[in-house]
Amino acid sequence: MSRDSSAVITGLGVQCAIGCGLSEFTGALRDGLPGVTFRHPDDGLPPAVGVTAIPHSSPRDVLDTRLTGIGPELRERTRSLMRRATRSKQYALLAAVEAWSHAGLPADRDTTRTGVVIAGGNQAHELYLDMGRRFRDSPSYVRPSYAVELWDTDLLGTVSELLGCLGEGLSTGGASAAGNVGLITGLRMVRDGYADVCLVVAPVTELSPVERMALFNLGALGAKASQEPAPERSRPFDSQHDGFIYGEGAAALLLESREHAGLRGARPLATLLGGASALHGSRLTTPSIDGEVRVMRQALAEAGRDVGEIDLVSAHATSTPLGDATEAEAIRTVFGERTGEVWVNSAKSLIGHCLGAASAIEAVAAVQQIRHGFIHPNANLQNPIPEAAPLRLAPATAVDTRPRLVLSNAFGFSGINTSVLLGEAG
């Protein structure tokens, strides 16, 4: 019998500007309600830095009032660990426990066959900045726990401690493609028999004002000319786009082998059918049509599917002019005569660009569109760029149709290209 190259998805968790929890996120996704707001930044920073898409509820409030499906013991353990955690780490833990509880794993599972992948390194830049200030004021005030928190393994170890995951564990990089890199790594872990279950957690990429100014000076941030109305500033594929809107978010997806899920009687939510990652030989930010085309084609080939079966492309589409135009051309190249038949949307019009967690959140969005039978809107798309003319871009309101196969793209700085294929539970 041939080896199953896919993994089923049995649990989802999400925290972002349009939803602190799966139900709230799905409703806002369908309604096409952007979570972008404007708050005047600190003195000396350009106004564009104040346009962001961040979760609207505090982590403690989310745990106490929003996440209803978590058992009392797990809730208390989560609350205890959150007391000592940064805000960004708290949101990642909330996404992890929601996905874990959603999956309903049995207590008597083999914990040594339960793996964890943290999709993105430690990105707690506010913590780094704070410790730097403390050191300048007085080195003795740098707390000893910082020696643990500075490593990319901190969240990995915390999730393992919280959920009792004793199998293989690692953190993966990937810049803005980190979510997809984590999913591909988790898929391989399950597919190749290193784990029966793998929890992929994509944490918040937290940026301090220092990193935001670097991105502004690079020209990558949007809302340069106008900050209001803030919900209209993220404009993928629109001629008025001028850069991405920074978002904060975290997501978690629980992957299982189909055999393991079947033996415990779990009903899969969707299937992760395949994924591909490839470099295009550059340390810079410039996108590559060839790299993007290659990973889309490789993801399809790994899953044994072709372009004629794809219903939706979840585009990376950050709202940067060069990035959007390049991806539009890459999609045209891959789909050829079918370009005008395949729906294309971008969640970044609603949630901003959540950087390392972006594609994991978009994978959750893909699963929910498959499950609930809709294509989420492209918010703020009024005048598509010329390069997108042949694409079947989703309109400003949801389309009532069930995508069976979704190709989800993510591309990162330094020439990282990724694409994953998600489908029905089967």
Protein backbone atom coordinates (compact mmCIF):
# COMPACT_ATOMS: atom_id res chain seq x y z
CA MET A 1 0.00 0.00 0.00
CA SER A 2 1.34 3.44 -0.91
CA ARG A 3 2.27 5.89 1.83
CA ASP A 4 -0.25 8.66 2.55
CA SER A 5 1.54 11.92 1.72
CA SER A 6 -1.05 14.11 3.45
CA ALA A 7 -2.02 14.95 7.02
CA VAL A 8 -5.44 15.79 8.36
CA ILE A 9 -6.16 18.94 10.35
CA THR A 10 -8.20 18.29 13.49
CA GLY A 11 -7.77 21.50 15.49
CA LEU A 12 -7.55 25.24 14.82
CA GLY A 13 -6.77 28.28 16.94
CA VAL A 14 -6.40 31.93 15.99
CA GLN A 15 -5.82 35.34 17.56
CA CYS A 16 -5.72 38.44 15.38
CA ALA A 17 -7.28 41.83 14.73
CA ILE A 18 -10.58 40.46 13.39
CA GLY A 19 -11.06 37.68 15.89
CA CYS A 20 -9.73 36.44 19.22
CA GLY A 21 -10.94 32.89 18.71
CA LEU A 22 -12.03 30.76 15.77
CA SER A 23 -15.74 31.62 15.78
CA GLU A 24 -15.25 35.38 15.92
CA PHE A 25 -12.50 35.19 13.30
CA THR A 26 -14.66 33.19 10.88
CA GLY A 27 -17.61 35.57 11.16
CA ALA A 28 -15.47 38.65 10.51
CA LEU A 29 -13.69 36.85 7.66
CA ARG A 30 -16.98 36.16 5.91
CA ASP A 31 -18.27 39.69 6.57
CA GLY A 32 -15.07 41.20 5.20
CA LEU A 33 -14.54 43.53 8.16
CA PRO A 34 -10.96 44.89 8.27
CA GLY A 35 -9.31 45.09 11.68
CA VAL A 36 -6.98 47.98 10.84
CA THR A 37 -6.98 51.01 13.15
CA PHE A 38 -4.93 54.20 13.58
CA ARG A 39 -3.31 55.46 16.75
CA HIS A 40 -0.93 58.41 16.73
CA PRO A 41 2.56 57.00 17.27
CA ASP A 42 5.16 58.29 19.69
CA ASP A 43 6.71 61.69 19.01
CA GLY A 44 9.19 61.67 16.19
CA LEU A 45 7.72 58.64 14.40
CA PRO A 46 5.91 59.06 11.07
CA PRO A 47 2.10 58.74 11.21
CA ALA A 48 2.17 55.66 8.96
CA VAL A 49 3.75 53.69 11.83
CA GLY A 50 0.52 54.19 13.78
CA VAL A 51 -1.63 52.29 11.26
CA THR A 52 -1.79 48.73 12.54
CA ALA A 53 -4.03 45.67 12.84
CA ILE A 54 -3.71 44.24 16.34
CA PRO A 55 -5.98 42.07 18.53
CA HIS A 56 -8.65 44.17 20.24
CA SER A 57 -8.94 42.12 23.46
CA SER A 58 -6.34 41.52 26.15
CA PRO A 59 -5.02 37.95 26.38
CA ARG A 60 -6.42 37.51 29.89
CA ASP A 61 -9.87 38.64 28.79
CA VAL A 62 -9.75 36.21 25.86
CA LEU A 63 -8.88 33.31 28.15
CA ASP A 64 -11.54 34.22 30.69
CA THR A 65 -14.46 35.07 28.38
CA ARG A 66 -13.81 34.12 24.73
CA LEU A 67 -12.37 30.61 24.66
CA THR A 68 -15.24 28.53 25.99
CA GLY A 69 -14.12 25.08 24.84
CA ILE A 70 -11.13 24.74 27.17
CA GLY A 71 -11.34 22.43 30.17
CA PRO A 72 -10.86 23.91 33.66
CA GLU A 73 -7.52 22.21 34.35
CA LEU A 74 -5.97 23.32 31.05
CA ARG A 75 -7.42 26.80 31.51
CA GLU A 76 -5.77 27.13 34.92
CA ARG A 77 -2.40 25.85 33.65
CA THR A 78 -2.61 28.34 30.77
CA ARG A 79 -3.47 31.17 33.14
CA SER A 80 -0.49 30.30 35.33
CA LEU A 81 1.99 30.29 32.43
CA MET A 82 0.55 33.50 30.99
CA ARG A 83 1.34 35.37 34.22
CA ARG A 84 5.04 35.13 33.41
CA ALA A 85 4.75 35.61 29.66
CA THR A 86 5.08 38.54 27.29
CA ARG A 87 1.95 39.75 25.52
CA SER A 88 3.03 38.17 22.22
CA LYS A 89 3.71 34.84 23.92
CA GLN A 90 0.31 34.96 25.62
CA TYR A 91 -1.50 35.19 22.27
CA ALA A 92 0.51 32.25 20.93
CA LEU A 93 -0.45 30.15 23.95
CA LEU A 94 -4.12 31.06 23.47
CA ALA A 95 -4.01 29.93 19.84
CA ALA A 96 -2.27 26.71 20.87
CA VAL A 97 -4.76 25.77 23.60
CA GLU A 98 -7.72 26.56 21.34
CA ALA A 99 -6.41 24.26 18.60
CA TRP A 100 -5.53 21.59 21.16
CA SER A 101 -8.98 21.70 22.76
CA HIS A 102 -10.67 21.84 19.35
CA ALA A 103 -8.96 18.59 18.37
CA GLY A 104 -10.12 16.76 21.49
CA LEU A 105 -7.08 14.52 21.83
CA PRO A 106 -7.52 11.69 24.36
CA ALA A 107 -5.70 11.86 27.68
CA ASP A 108 -4.17 8.42 27.14
CA ARG A 109 -2.42 9.33 23.88
CA ASP A 110 1.26 8.49 23.37
CA THR A 111 2.86 11.78 24.42
CA THR A 112 6.19 10.73 22.93
CA ARG A 113 4.53 10.67 19.50
CA THR A 114 3.20 14.23 19.84
CA GLY A 115 5.44 16.85 18.22
CA VAL A 116 5.52 20.64 18.22
CA VAL A 117 6.71 23.06 15.55
CA ILE A 118 7.01 26.75 16.34
CA ALA A 119 6.63 28.49 12.99
CA GLY A 120 8.91 31.49 13.43
CA GLY A 121 11.70 32.32 15.83
CA ASN A 122 11.50 34.38 19.00
CA GLN A 123 10.23 37.78 17.84
CA ALA A 124 9.67 39.57 21.16
CA HIS A 125 11.39 42.76 20.11
CA GLU A 126 9.61 44.86 22.72
CA LEU A 127 11.15 42.59 25.36
CA TYR A 128 14.60 43.02 23.82
CA LEU A 129 14.15 46.79 23.81
CA ASP A 130 12.95 46.81 27.41
CA MET A 131 15.89 44.69 28.60
CA GLY A 132 18.25 47.04 26.75
CA ARG A 133 16.79 50.03 28.60
CA ARG A 134 17.11 48.24 31.93
CA PHE A 135 20.71 47.34 31.19
CA ARG A 136 21.58 50.94 30.31
CA ASP A 137 19.97 52.16 33.55
CA SER A 138 21.53 49.46 35.72
CA PRO A 139 22.82 46.04 34.58
CA SER A 140 21.72 44.47 37.84
CA TYR A 141 18.05 45.09 36.96
CA VAL A 142 18.12 42.70 33.98
CA ARG A 143 16.04 39.80 35.27
CA PRO A 144 17.59 36.33 35.11
CA SER A 145 14.56 34.84 33.31
CA TYR A 146 15.61 36.85 30.25
CA ALA A 147 18.40 34.31 29.79
CA VAL A 148 15.68 31.76 28.94
CA GLU A 149 13.27 34.08 27.11
CA LEU A 150 15.80 35.28 24.55
CA TRP A 151 16.00 31.86 22.85
CA ASP A 152 13.74 30.64 20.04
CA THR A 153 13.08 27.55 22.17
CA ASP A 154 11.26 29.44 24.93
CA LEU A 155 7.80 29.16 23.37
CA LEU A 156 8.55 25.61 22.23
CA GLY A 157 9.34 24.53 25.77
CA THR A 158 6.34 26.38 27.18
CA VAL A 159 3.92 24.66 24.77
CA SER A 160 5.51 21.30 25.56
CA GLU A 161 5.12 21.95 29.28
CA LEU A 162 1.55 23.21 28.94
CA LEU A 163 0.23 20.42 26.72
CA GLY A 164 2.47 17.49 27.60
CA CYS A 165 4.04 17.13 24.15
CA LEU A 166 7.11 14.90 24.50
CA GLY A 167 7.86 14.09 20.86
CA GLU A 168 10.07 15.88 18.36
CA GLY A 169 10.11 19.67 18.63
CA LEU A 170 11.76 22.53 16.80
CA SER A 171 11.32 26.11 15.70
CA THR A 172 11.52 27.15 12.06
CA GLY A 173 12.33 30.47 10.43
CA GLY A 174 11.09 31.77 7.12
CA ALA A 175 10.44 35.51 7.60
CA SER A 176 6.96 36.25 6.21
CA ALA A 177 6.71 32.66 4.98
CA ALA A 178 7.36 31.16 8.44
CA GLY A 179 3.79 29.90 8.87
CA ASN A 180 3.94 27.86 5.68
CA VAL A 181 7.45 26.63 6.50
CA GLY A 182 6.11 25.39 9.84
CA LEU A 183 3.17 23.64 8.18
CA ILE A 184 5.44 21.96 5.64
CA THR A 185 7.75 20.83 8.46
CA GLY A 186 4.82 19.50 10.49
CA LEU A 187 3.41 17.70 7.45
CA ARG A 188 6.73 15.98 6.84
CA MET A 189 7.01 15.01 10.51
CA VAL A 190 3.63 13.28 10.40
CA ARG A 191 3.92 11.92 6.88
CA ASP A 192 7.36 10.39 7.46
CA GLY A 193 6.34 8.71 10.71
CA TYR A 194 8.22 10.83 13.27
CA ALA A 195 4.96 11.78 15.00
CA ASP A 196 1.31 10.78 15.03
CA VAL A 197 0.31 14.32 16.00
CA CYS A 198 2.06 17.64 15.41
CA LEU A 199 0.93 21.01 16.75
CA VAL A 200 2.12 23.87 14.54
CA VAL A 201 2.08 27.19 16.39
CA ALA A 202 2.83 30.48 14.62
CA PRO A 203 3.48 33.22 17.22
CA VAL A 204 3.03 36.95 16.98
CA THR A 205 5.88 38.72 15.20
CA GLU A 206 6.19 41.59 17.63
CA LEU A 207 7.98 44.68 16.34
CA SER A 208 9.27 47.51 18.47
CA PRO A 209 9.36 51.08 17.08
CA VAL A 210 12.94 50.37 15.98
CA GLU A 211 11.93 47.61 13.56
CA ARG A 212 8.89 49.54 12.37
CA MET A 213 11.07 52.52 11.49
CA ALA A 214 13.46 50.25 9.59
CA LEU A 215 10.55 48.90 7.54
CA PHE A 216 9.23 52.42 6.99
CA ASN A 217 12.64 53.62 5.79
CA LEU A 218 12.86 50.59 3.51
CA GLY A 219 9.61 51.74 1.92
CA ALA A 220 7.78 48.53 2.86
CA LEU A 221 5.14 50.02 5.17
CA GLY A 222 1.94 51.43 3.71
CA ALA A 223 -0.34 54.35 4.65
CA LYS A 224 2.44 56.81 3.83
CA ALA A 225 0.21 59.45 2.26
CA SER A 226 -2.97 58.95 4.29
CA GLN A 227 -3.68 57.23 7.60
CA GLU A 228 -7.45 57.63 7.71
CA PRO A 229 -9.81 55.93 7.25
CA ALA A 230 -7.51 53.28 8.65
CA PRO A 231 -9.65 50.23 7.66
CA GLU A 232 -9.08 51.17 4.00
CA ARG A 233 -5.29 51.35 4.16
CA SER A 234 -4.52 47.67 3.42
CA ARG A 235 -5.21 47.32 -0.32
CA PRO A 236 -3.82 44.16 -1.93
CA PHE A 237 -3.99 44.17 -5.74
CA ASP A 238 -5.46 47.71 -5.72
CA SER A 239 -3.85 50.54 -7.67
CA GLN A 240 -3.79 52.69 -4.51
CA HIS A 241 -1.62 50.25 -2.54
CA ASP A 242 1.63 51.65 -1.21
CA GLY A 243 2.96 49.03 1.21
CA PHE A 244 1.86 46.57 3.86
CA ILE A 245 0.00 47.35 7.06
CA TYR A 246 1.65 45.78 10.09
CA GLY A 247 -0.55 43.27 11.88
CA GLU A 248 -0.18 41.16 14.98
CA GLY A 249 -1.62 37.67 15.14
CA ALA A 250 -1.00 34.09 16.15
CA ALA A 251 -2.39 30.80 14.88
CA ALA A 252 -2.16 27.09 15.59
CA LEU A 253 -3.10 24.04 13.52
CA LEU A 254 -3.07 20.49 14.83
CA LEU A 255 -1.97 17.95 12.24
CA GLU A 256 -2.50 14.19 12.52
CA SER A 257 -1.94 11.17 10.39
CA ARG A 258 -5.23 10.05 8.94
CA GLU A 259 -4.74 6.64 10.54
CA HIS A 260 -4.27 8.14 14.01
CA ALA A 261 -7.31 10.39 13.67
CA GLY A 262 -9.39 7.45 12.44
CA LEU A 263 -8.38 5.17 15.30
CA ARG A 264 -9.51 7.71 17.89
CA GLY A 265 -12.71 8.53 16.00
CA ALA A 266 -11.82 12.14 15.22
CA ARG A 267 -13.57 13.98 12.39
CA PRO A 268 -10.97 15.90 10.36
CA LEU A 269 -11.69 19.52 9.51
CA ALA A 270 -9.58 19.54 6.35
CA THR A 271 -6.51 17.99 4.77
CA LEU A 272 -3.02 19.39 4.30
CA LEU A 273 -2.23 17.72 0.99
CA GLY A 274 1.24 19.04 0.21
CA GLY A 275 3.63 21.93 0.34
CA ALA A 276 6.83 23.24 -1.19
CA SER A 277 9.57 25.67 -0.24
CA ALA A 278 12.34 27.02 -2.46
CA LEU A 279 14.90 29.82 -2.48
CA HIS A 280 15.61 32.08 -5.40
CA GLY A 281 19.19 33.02 -4.57
CA SER A 282 18.91 36.46 -2.99
CA ARG A 283 19.24 37.95 0.49
CA LEU A 284 17.22 41.01 -0.52
CA THR A 285 13.50 41.80 -0.52
CA THR A 286 12.87 41.62 -4.27
CA PRO A 287 10.32 38.92 -5.22
CA SER A 288 10.94 36.33 -7.92
CA ILE A 289 8.36 35.19 -10.47
CA ASP A 290 10.39 32.02 -11.09
CA GLY A 291 10.57 31.17 -7.39
CA GLU A 292 6.86 31.71 -6.87
CA VAL A 293 5.93 29.69 -9.93
CA ARG A 294 8.20 26.82 -8.87
CA VAL A 295 6.71 26.38 -5.41
CA MET A 296 3.12 26.52 -6.63
CA ARG A 297 3.87 23.84 -9.21
CA GLN A 298 5.85 21.74 -6.73
CA ALA A 299 3.08 21.87 -4.11
CA LEU A 300 0.59 20.64 -6.70
CA ALA A 301 2.94 17.90 -7.92
CA GLU A 302 3.65 16.66 -4.38
CA ALA A 303 -0.08 16.31 -3.77
CA GLY A 304 -0.67 14.68 -7.15
CA ARG A 305 -3.04 17.45 -8.24
CA ASP A 306 -3.15 19.81 -11.20
CA VAL A 307 -4.30 23.38 -11.83
CA GLY A 308 -7.64 22.19 -13.16
CA GLU A 309 -8.68 21.10 -9.66
CA ILE A 310 -7.88 24.32 -7.76
CA ASP A 311 -10.82 26.52 -6.74
CA LEU A 312 -9.06 29.28 -4.78
CA VAL A 313 -5.62 30.85 -4.45
CA SER A 314 -5.01 32.46 -1.06
CA ALA A 315 -2.48 35.01 -2.26
CA HIS A 316 0.46 36.35 -0.27
CA ALA A 317 -0.53 39.79 -1.65
CA THR A 318 0.83 42.11 1.01
CA SER A 319 -0.28 45.38 -0.63
CA THR A 320 3.21 46.29 -1.84
CA PRO A 321 3.21 47.34 -5.52
CA LEU A 322 6.06 45.12 -6.72
CA GLY A 323 5.01 42.14 -4.61
CA ASP A 324 1.39 42.20 -5.77
CA ALA A 325 2.32 42.62 -9.43
CA THR A 326 4.89 39.80 -9.28
CA GLU A 327 2.48 37.36 -7.64
CA ALA A 328 -0.28 38.21 -10.12
CA GLU A 329 2.07 37.34 -12.98
CA ALA A 330 3.18 34.14 -11.23
CA ILE A 331 -0.44 33.03 -10.79
CA ARG A 332 -1.12 33.72 -14.47
CA THR A 333 1.93 31.66 -15.42
CA VAL A 334 0.87 28.67 -13.30
CA PHE A 335 -2.81 28.64 -14.21
CA GLY A 336 -2.60 29.71 -17.85
CA GLU A 337 -5.99 29.46 -19.54
CA ARG A 338 -7.66 28.76 -16.16
CA THR A 339 -6.50 32.06 -14.64
CA GLY A 340 -9.90 33.69 -15.01
CA GLU A 341 -11.71 30.72 -13.47
CA VAL A 342 -9.83 30.39 -10.15
CA TRP A 343 -10.83 32.70 -7.31
CA VAL A 344 -8.04 34.79 -5.73
CA ASN A 345 -8.27 36.57 -2.38
CA SER A 346 -5.93 37.98 0.27
CA ALA A 347 -6.66 37.94 4.00
CA LYS A 348 -4.17 40.78 4.49
CA SER A 349 -6.84 43.22 3.35
CA LEU A 350 -8.60 42.31 6.63
CA ILE A 351 -5.86 41.40 9.11
CA GLY A 352 -2.90 43.39 7.81
CA HIS A 353 0.40 41.60 7.34
CA CYS A 354 1.08 39.45 10.41
CA LEU A 355 4.56 38.65 9.09
CA GLY A 356 5.76 35.26 10.45
CA ALA A 357 2.26 34.16 11.47
CA ALA A 358 0.54 35.47 8.33
CA SER A 359 0.39 32.26 6.32
CA ALA A 360 -0.63 30.16 9.32
CA ILE A 361 -3.56 32.51 9.93
CA GLU A 362 -4.35 32.33 6.22
CA ALA A 363 -4.26 28.52 6.40
CA VAL A 364 -6.87 28.72 9.17
CA ALA A 365 -8.89 31.04 6.91
CA ALA A 366 -8.58 28.55 4.03
CA VAL A 367 -9.84 25.69 6.21
CA GLN A 368 -12.81 27.75 7.38
CA GLN A 369 -13.74 28.73 3.82
CA ILE A 370 -13.61 25.05 2.82
CA ARG A 371 -15.70 24.01 5.82
CA HIS A 372 -18.32 26.76 5.68
CA GLY A 373 -18.64 27.21 1.94
CA PHE A 374 -17.58 30.76 1.12
CA ILE A 375 -14.82 32.82 -0.47
CA HIS A 376 -13.91 35.72 1.79
CA PRO A 377 -13.93 39.23 0.31
CA ASN A 378 -11.01 41.31 -0.90
CA ALA A 379 -11.61 44.41 1.17
CA ASN A 380 -10.66 47.80 -0.30
CA LEU A 381 -10.27 46.46 -3.83
CA GLN A 382 -11.68 49.24 -6.02
CA ASN A 383 -9.29 49.64 -8.96
CA PRO A 384 -7.24 46.47 -9.55
CA ILE A 385 -3.67 46.88 -10.78
CA PRO A 386 -3.23 46.19 -14.52
CA GLU A 387 -1.21 43.03 -13.83
CA ALA A 388 -4.22 41.53 -12.02
CA ALA A 389 -6.62 42.07 -14.93
CA PRO A 390 -7.00 38.37 -15.87
CA LEU A 391 -7.31 37.21 -12.24
CA ARG A 392 -10.70 36.33 -10.80
CA LEU A 393 -10.34 38.52 -7.74
CA ALA A 394 -12.94 38.03 -5.01
CA PRO A 395 -15.31 41.01 -4.71
CA ALA A 396 -16.08 43.22 -1.71
CA THR A 397 -18.65 40.75 -0.37
CA ALA A 398 -18.34 37.03 0.31
CA VAL A 399 -19.01 34.57 -2.49
CA ASP A 400 -21.24 31.65 -1.52
CA THR A 401 -19.36 28.72 -2.99
CA ARG A 402 -17.36 25.91 -1.43
CA PRO A 403 -13.69 25.82 -2.45
CA ARG A 404 -12.58 22.21 -2.42
CA LEU A 405 -8.86 22.85 -2.97
CA VAL A 406 -7.02 26.00 -1.86
CA LEU A 407 -3.46 26.87 -2.83
CA SER A 408 -2.01 29.20 -0.19
CA ASN A 409 1.11 31.24 -0.97
CA ALA A 410 3.65 32.90 1.31
CA PHE A 411 6.88 34.63 0.33
CA GLY A 412 9.54 36.09 2.62
CA PHE A 413 12.57 38.35 2.61
CA SER A 414 15.84 36.71 1.53
CA GLY A 415 14.29 34.80 -1.34
CA ILE A 416 12.01 32.37 0.53
CA ASN A 417 9.07 31.10 -1.53
CA THR A 418 6.42 28.69 -0.23
CA SER A 419 3.05 27.28 -1.18
CA VAL A 420 0.79 24.76 0.56
CA LEU A 421 -2.27 22.93 -0.69
CA LEU A 422 -5.31 22.48 1.57
CA GLY A 423 -8.41 20.48 0.76
CA GLU A 424 -11.60 18.98 2.11
CA ALA A 425 -11.48 16.51 4.98
CA GLY A 426 -11.99 13.59 2.59
